[in-house]
Amino acid sequence: LARVKRACTLPPRVRLVIAWLLMWGLFAVLSMLAVVYSVVFGHETTKLMLFSWSIACAQTFTFEEPIMIAMSILLPWLGEQLTSNVLVGRIVTKFVSPVVSGCYTLAGWFSAAQ
């Protein structure tokens, strides 16, 4: 089984060439799609379409990507901080204990009322 798997695996250079060919093919298809839209919908509509694509691209690189990068850095750090024993102890003492005691008090109140 290992020999078959090794025989079916493409060399890294071939995989790289296939990836670049797919990227250039996608670029060619999308470029032709933009030209077809331009012919079908006219100059003004195509100009508005390209302008909206530019705004979307700028929004992605100025807002969405930095937020995603910050989240990918901060969330693991925050998870590590939240799972440390000292902080968990503080959270349990400060927030969970009053809630649990409140539930016990409420349950006692309901059982006394019955």
N, C-alpha and C. Protein backbone atom coordinates (compact mmCIF):
# COMPACT_ATOMS: atom_id res chain seq x y z
N LEU A 1 0.83 -1.20 0.00
CA LEU A 1 0.00 0.00 0.00
C LEU A 1 0.87 1.26 0.00
N ALA A 2 1.97 1.24 0.73
CA ALA A 2 2.85 2.41 0.79
C ALA A 2 3.51 2.65 -0.55
N ARG A 3 3.85 1.55 -1.29
CA ARG A 3 4.47 1.74 -2.60
C ARG A 3 3.49 2.35 -3.59
N VAL A 4 2.23 1.94 -3.51
CA VAL A 4 1.21 2.48 -4.40
C VAL A 4 1.00 3.95 -4.11
N LYS A 5 0.94 4.30 -2.84
CA LYS A 5 0.74 5.69 -2.45
C LYS A 5 1.92 6.55 -2.91
N ARG A 6 3.14 6.04 -2.74
CA ARG A 6 4.33 6.78 -3.15
C ARG A 6 4.37 6.94 -4.66
N ALA A 7 3.89 5.92 -5.41
CA ALA A 7 3.89 5.98 -6.86
C ALA A 7 2.85 6.97 -7.38
N CYS A 8 1.76 7.18 -6.65
CA CYS A 8 0.70 8.09 -7.09
C CYS A 8 0.96 9.54 -6.68
N THR A 9 1.92 9.78 -5.81
CA THR A 9 2.20 11.13 -5.35
C THR A 9 3.02 11.88 -6.41
N LEU A 10 2.53 13.05 -6.77
CA LEU A 10 3.24 13.87 -7.76
C LEU A 10 4.41 14.59 -7.11
N PRO A 11 5.48 14.81 -7.86
CA PRO A 11 6.60 15.58 -7.32
C PRO A 11 6.18 17.02 -7.03
N PRO A 12 6.86 17.69 -6.10
CA PRO A 12 6.48 19.06 -5.74
C PRO A 12 6.48 20.03 -6.92
N ARG A 13 7.43 19.90 -7.83
CA ARG A 13 7.49 20.81 -8.98
C ARG A 13 6.27 20.65 -9.88
N VAL A 14 5.82 19.43 -10.06
CA VAL A 14 4.63 19.19 -10.89
C VAL A 14 3.40 19.78 -10.23
N ARG A 15 3.28 19.59 -8.92
CA ARG A 15 2.13 20.18 -8.21
C ARG A 15 2.15 21.69 -8.30
N LEU A 16 3.34 22.29 -8.23
CA LEU A 16 3.47 23.75 -8.35
C LEU A 16 3.05 24.22 -9.74
N VAL A 17 3.47 23.49 -10.77
CA VAL A 17 3.08 23.85 -12.14
C VAL A 17 1.57 23.73 -12.31
N ILE A 18 0.97 22.68 -11.77
CA ILE A 18 -0.49 22.51 -11.87
C ILE A 18 -1.20 23.65 -11.15
N ALA A 19 -0.70 24.04 -9.98
CA ALA A 19 -1.33 25.13 -9.24
C ALA A 19 -1.26 26.44 -10.03
N TRP A 20 -0.10 26.74 -10.62
CA TRP A 20 0.03 27.97 -11.41
C TRP A 20 -0.84 27.93 -12.66
N LEU A 21 -0.93 26.78 -13.30
CA LEU A 21 -1.80 26.67 -14.47
C LEU A 21 -3.25 26.89 -14.09
N LEU A 22 -3.67 26.35 -12.95
CA LEU A 22 -5.04 26.59 -12.49
C LEU A 22 -5.27 28.07 -12.20
N MET A 23 -4.31 28.73 -11.57
CA MET A 23 -4.45 30.16 -11.27
C MET A 23 -4.54 30.98 -12.55
N TRP A 24 -3.67 30.73 -13.51
CA TRP A 24 -3.70 31.47 -14.78
C TRP A 24 -4.97 31.16 -15.55
N GLY A 25 -5.43 29.92 -15.49
CA GLY A 25 -6.68 29.57 -16.16
C GLY A 25 -7.86 30.30 -15.54
N LEU A 26 -7.90 30.36 -14.21
CA LEU A 26 -8.96 31.10 -13.53
C LEU A 26 -8.89 32.59 -13.88
N PHE A 27 -7.69 33.15 -13.91
CA PHE A 27 -7.53 34.55 -14.29
C PHE A 27 -8.05 34.80 -15.71
N ALA A 28 -7.74 33.88 -16.63
CA ALA A 28 -8.20 34.04 -18.02
C ALA A 28 -9.72 33.96 -18.10
N VAL A 29 -10.32 33.02 -17.39
CA VAL A 29 -11.78 32.87 -17.41
C VAL A 29 -12.44 34.12 -16.83
N LEU A 30 -11.94 34.61 -15.70
CA LEU A 30 -12.56 35.79 -15.09
C LEU A 30 -12.33 37.05 -15.93
N SER A 31 -11.19 37.14 -16.60
CA SER A 31 -10.95 38.27 -17.50
C SER A 31 -11.92 38.25 -18.68
N MET A 32 -12.13 37.07 -19.24
CA MET A 32 -13.09 36.95 -20.33
C MET A 32 -14.50 37.25 -19.85
N LEU A 33 -14.82 36.86 -18.63
CA LEU A 33 -16.14 37.16 -18.07
C LEU A 33 -16.33 38.67 -17.94
N ALA A 34 -15.29 39.38 -17.52
CA ALA A 34 -15.38 40.84 -17.42
C ALA A 34 -15.57 41.47 -18.81
N VAL A 35 -14.91 40.94 -19.81
CA VAL A 35 -15.06 41.47 -21.18
C VAL A 35 -16.47 41.19 -21.70
N VAL A 36 -16.98 39.99 -21.43
CA VAL A 36 -18.34 39.65 -21.87
C VAL A 36 -19.36 40.55 -21.17
N TYR A 37 -19.19 40.76 -19.86
CA TYR A 37 -20.07 41.68 -19.15
C TYR A 37 -20.01 43.07 -19.76
N SER A 38 -18.83 43.50 -20.12
CA SER A 38 -18.66 44.83 -20.70
C SER A 38 -19.42 44.94 -22.02
N VAL A 39 -19.34 43.92 -22.83
CA VAL A 39 -20.03 43.95 -24.12
C VAL A 39 -21.54 43.88 -23.93
N VAL A 40 -21.99 43.03 -23.01
CA VAL A 40 -23.43 42.83 -22.83
C VAL A 40 -24.08 44.02 -22.12
N PHE A 41 -23.47 44.53 -21.05
CA PHE A 41 -24.12 45.54 -20.23
C PHE A 41 -23.72 46.97 -20.55
N GLY A 42 -22.69 47.18 -21.32
CA GLY A 42 -22.31 48.53 -21.70
C GLY A 42 -21.18 49.09 -20.85
N HIS A 43 -20.68 50.24 -21.31
CA HIS A 43 -19.50 50.85 -20.71
C HIS A 43 -19.76 51.34 -19.28
N GLU A 44 -20.85 52.05 -19.06
CA GLU A 44 -21.12 52.63 -17.74
C GLU A 44 -21.35 51.56 -16.68
N THR A 45 -22.13 50.56 -17.01
CA THR A 45 -22.40 49.48 -16.05
C THR A 45 -21.12 48.73 -15.71
N THR A 46 -20.28 48.50 -16.72
CA THR A 46 -19.00 47.82 -16.46
C THR A 46 -18.09 48.67 -15.59
N LYS A 47 -18.10 49.98 -15.83
CA LYS A 47 -17.28 50.87 -15.01
C LYS A 47 -17.75 50.83 -13.55
N LEU A 48 -19.06 50.83 -13.33
CA LEU A 48 -19.59 50.73 -11.97
C LEU A 48 -19.26 49.38 -11.34
N MET A 49 -19.32 48.31 -12.14
CA MET A 49 -18.98 46.99 -11.64
C MET A 49 -17.52 46.93 -11.20
N LEU A 50 -16.62 47.43 -12.02
CA LEU A 50 -15.20 47.42 -11.66
C LEU A 50 -14.93 48.33 -10.46
N PHE A 51 -15.65 49.43 -10.37
CA PHE A 51 -15.50 50.32 -9.22
C PHE A 51 -15.95 49.61 -7.93
N SER A 52 -17.06 48.89 -8.01
CA SER A 52 -17.53 48.17 -6.82
C SER A 52 -16.58 47.04 -6.45
N TRP A 53 -15.98 46.37 -7.44
CA TRP A 53 -14.98 45.35 -7.15
C TRP A 53 -13.76 45.97 -6.47
N SER A 54 -13.37 47.16 -6.91
CA SER A 54 -12.22 47.84 -6.30
C SER A 54 -12.51 48.21 -4.85
N ILE A 55 -13.73 48.69 -4.60
CA ILE A 55 -14.11 49.03 -3.22
C ILE A 55 -14.12 47.77 -2.35
N ALA A 56 -14.65 46.68 -2.88
CA ALA A 56 -14.67 45.42 -2.12
C ALA A 56 -13.26 44.93 -1.82
N CYS A 57 -12.37 45.06 -2.79
CA CYS A 57 -10.98 44.63 -2.58
C CYS A 57 -10.31 45.51 -1.54
N ALA A 58 -10.52 46.81 -1.61
CA ALA A 58 -9.93 47.73 -0.63
C ALA A 58 -10.49 47.46 0.76
N GLN A 59 -11.78 47.19 0.86
CA GLN A 59 -12.39 46.87 2.15
C GLN A 59 -11.79 45.60 2.72
N THR A 60 -11.58 44.61 1.88
CA THR A 60 -11.00 43.36 2.35
C THR A 60 -9.61 43.58 2.93
N PHE A 61 -8.77 44.34 2.22
CA PHE A 61 -7.39 44.51 2.67
C PHE A 61 -7.23 45.52 3.79
N THR A 62 -8.16 46.46 3.94
CA THR A 62 -8.01 47.45 5.01
C THR A 62 -8.77 47.11 6.27
N PHE A 63 -9.87 46.35 6.18
CA PHE A 63 -10.67 46.05 7.36
C PHE A 63 -10.68 44.56 7.71
N GLU A 64 -11.10 43.74 6.77
CA GLU A 64 -11.34 42.34 7.08
C GLU A 64 -10.05 41.57 7.37
N GLU A 65 -9.04 41.74 6.53
CA GLU A 65 -7.79 41.00 6.74
C GLU A 65 -7.11 41.38 8.06
N PRO A 66 -6.97 42.67 8.40
CA PRO A 66 -6.36 42.98 9.69
C PRO A 66 -7.15 42.42 10.87
N ILE A 67 -8.47 42.44 10.78
CA ILE A 67 -9.28 41.89 11.86
C ILE A 67 -9.06 40.38 11.97
N MET A 68 -9.01 39.69 10.84
CA MET A 68 -8.78 38.24 10.88
C MET A 68 -7.40 37.91 11.42
N ILE A 69 -6.38 38.70 11.05
CA ILE A 69 -5.03 38.47 11.57
C ILE A 69 -5.01 38.72 13.07
N ALA A 70 -5.63 39.81 13.52
CA ALA A 70 -5.66 40.10 14.95
C ALA A 70 -6.40 38.99 15.71
N MET A 71 -7.50 38.50 15.15
CA MET A 71 -8.23 37.43 15.81
C MET A 71 -7.40 36.15 15.87
N SER A 72 -6.66 35.85 14.81
CA SER A 72 -5.86 34.63 14.81
C SER A 72 -4.71 34.72 15.80
N ILE A 73 -4.31 35.93 16.17
CA ILE A 73 -3.25 36.10 17.17
C ILE A 73 -3.86 36.19 18.57
N LEU A 74 -4.93 36.96 18.72
CA LEU A 74 -5.47 37.22 20.05
C LEU A 74 -6.30 36.08 20.63
N LEU A 75 -7.05 35.37 19.80
CA LEU A 75 -7.92 34.32 20.33
C LEU A 75 -7.15 33.17 20.98
N PRO A 76 -6.06 32.67 20.36
CA PRO A 76 -5.30 31.64 21.09
C PRO A 76 -4.71 32.16 22.40
N TRP A 77 -4.21 33.40 22.40
CA TRP A 77 -3.67 33.99 23.62
C TRP A 77 -4.77 34.12 24.68
N LEU A 78 -5.93 34.59 24.25
CA LEU A 78 -7.04 34.74 25.18
C LEU A 78 -7.49 33.39 25.71
N GLY A 79 -7.52 32.38 24.84
CA GLY A 79 -7.88 31.04 25.29
C GLY A 79 -6.88 30.50 26.30
N GLU A 80 -5.60 30.78 26.08
CA GLU A 80 -4.59 30.34 27.04
C GLU A 80 -4.76 31.06 28.37
N GLN A 81 -5.06 32.35 28.31
CA GLN A 81 -5.25 33.10 29.54
C GLN A 81 -6.49 32.64 30.30
N LEU A 82 -7.54 32.35 29.56
CA LEU A 82 -8.79 31.94 30.21
C LEU A 82 -8.71 30.54 30.80
N THR A 83 -7.81 29.73 30.29
CA THR A 83 -7.73 28.37 30.82
C THR A 83 -6.65 28.22 31.88
N SER A 84 -5.98 29.30 32.24
CA SER A 84 -5.01 29.19 33.33
C SER A 84 -5.76 29.03 34.64
N ASN A 85 -5.20 28.28 35.56
CA ASN A 85 -5.90 27.94 36.80
C ASN A 85 -6.22 29.16 37.65
N VAL A 86 -5.32 30.13 37.69
CA VAL A 86 -5.55 31.31 38.52
C VAL A 86 -6.77 32.08 38.02
N LEU A 87 -6.82 32.30 36.71
CA LEU A 87 -7.93 33.07 36.15
C LEU A 87 -9.24 32.30 36.27
N VAL A 88 -9.20 31.00 36.04
CA VAL A 88 -10.42 30.20 36.16
C VAL A 88 -10.93 30.25 37.60
N GLY A 89 -10.01 30.20 38.55
CA GLY A 89 -10.41 30.32 39.95
C GLY A 89 -11.08 31.63 40.24
N ARG A 90 -10.53 32.71 39.68
CA ARG A 90 -11.15 34.03 39.88
C ARG A 90 -12.54 34.09 39.25
N ILE A 91 -12.67 33.54 38.05
CA ILE A 91 -13.97 33.57 37.36
C ILE A 91 -15.00 32.77 38.15
N VAL A 92 -14.59 31.60 38.63
CA VAL A 92 -15.53 30.77 39.40
C VAL A 92 -15.94 31.49 40.68
N THR A 93 -14.96 32.07 41.36
CA THR A 93 -15.27 32.76 42.61
C THR A 93 -16.16 33.96 42.38
N LYS A 94 -15.86 34.73 41.34
CA LYS A 94 -16.55 36.00 41.14
C LYS A 94 -17.93 35.84 40.50
N PHE A 95 -18.03 34.96 39.50
CA PHE A 95 -19.26 34.91 38.71
C PHE A 95 -20.08 33.64 38.91
N VAL A 96 -19.43 32.51 38.91
CA VAL A 96 -20.18 31.25 38.93
C VAL A 96 -20.74 30.98 40.32
N SER A 97 -19.96 31.23 41.35
CA SER A 97 -20.44 30.94 42.71
C SER A 97 -21.71 31.70 43.06
N PRO A 98 -21.80 33.02 42.81
CA PRO A 98 -23.08 33.69 43.11
C PRO A 98 -24.25 33.16 42.30
N VAL A 99 -23.99 32.76 41.06
CA VAL A 99 -25.07 32.22 40.24
C VAL A 99 -25.54 30.89 40.81
N VAL A 100 -24.59 30.03 41.18
CA VAL A 100 -24.96 28.73 41.73
C VAL A 100 -25.69 28.90 43.07
N SER A 101 -25.16 29.79 43.92
CA SER A 101 -25.84 29.99 45.20
C SER A 101 -27.21 30.61 44.98
N GLY A 102 -27.34 31.46 43.99
CA GLY A 102 -28.65 32.00 43.66
C GLY A 102 -29.61 30.93 43.20
N CYS A 103 -29.10 29.97 42.43
CA CYS A 103 -29.94 28.85 41.98
C CYS A 103 -30.37 28.00 43.16
N TYR A 104 -29.43 27.75 44.09
CA TYR A 104 -29.79 26.98 45.28
C TYR A 104 -30.84 27.71 46.11
N THR A 105 -30.67 29.02 46.23
CA THR A 105 -31.64 29.81 46.99
C THR A 105 -33.00 29.77 46.30
N LEU A 106 -32.98 29.92 44.97
CA LEU A 106 -34.23 29.89 44.21
C LEU A 106 -34.88 28.51 44.30
N ALA A 107 -34.05 27.44 44.22
CA ALA A 107 -34.60 26.09 44.32
C ALA A 107 -35.16 25.87 45.72
N GLY A 108 -34.49 26.38 46.76
CA GLY A 108 -35.01 26.26 48.11
C GLY A 108 -36.31 27.02 48.28
N TRP A 109 -36.39 28.17 47.63
CA TRP A 109 -37.61 28.97 47.71
C TRP A 109 -38.77 28.24 47.06
N PHE A 110 -38.51 27.61 45.86
CA PHE A 110 -39.56 26.86 45.18
C PHE A 110 -39.98 25.64 45.98
N SER A 111 -39.01 24.95 46.57
CA SER A 111 -39.39 23.75 47.34
C SER A 111 -40.13 24.12 48.62
N ALA A 112 -39.79 25.27 49.21
CA ALA A 112 -40.52 25.70 50.41
C ALA A 112 -41.93 26.15 50.06
N ALA A 113 -42.11 26.69 48.83
CA ALA A 113 -43.42 27.16 48.42
C ALA A 113 -44.36 26.00 48.13
N GLN A 114 -43.82 24.86 47.81
CA GLN A 114 -44.68 23.72 47.48
C GLN A 114 -45.00 23.04 48.75
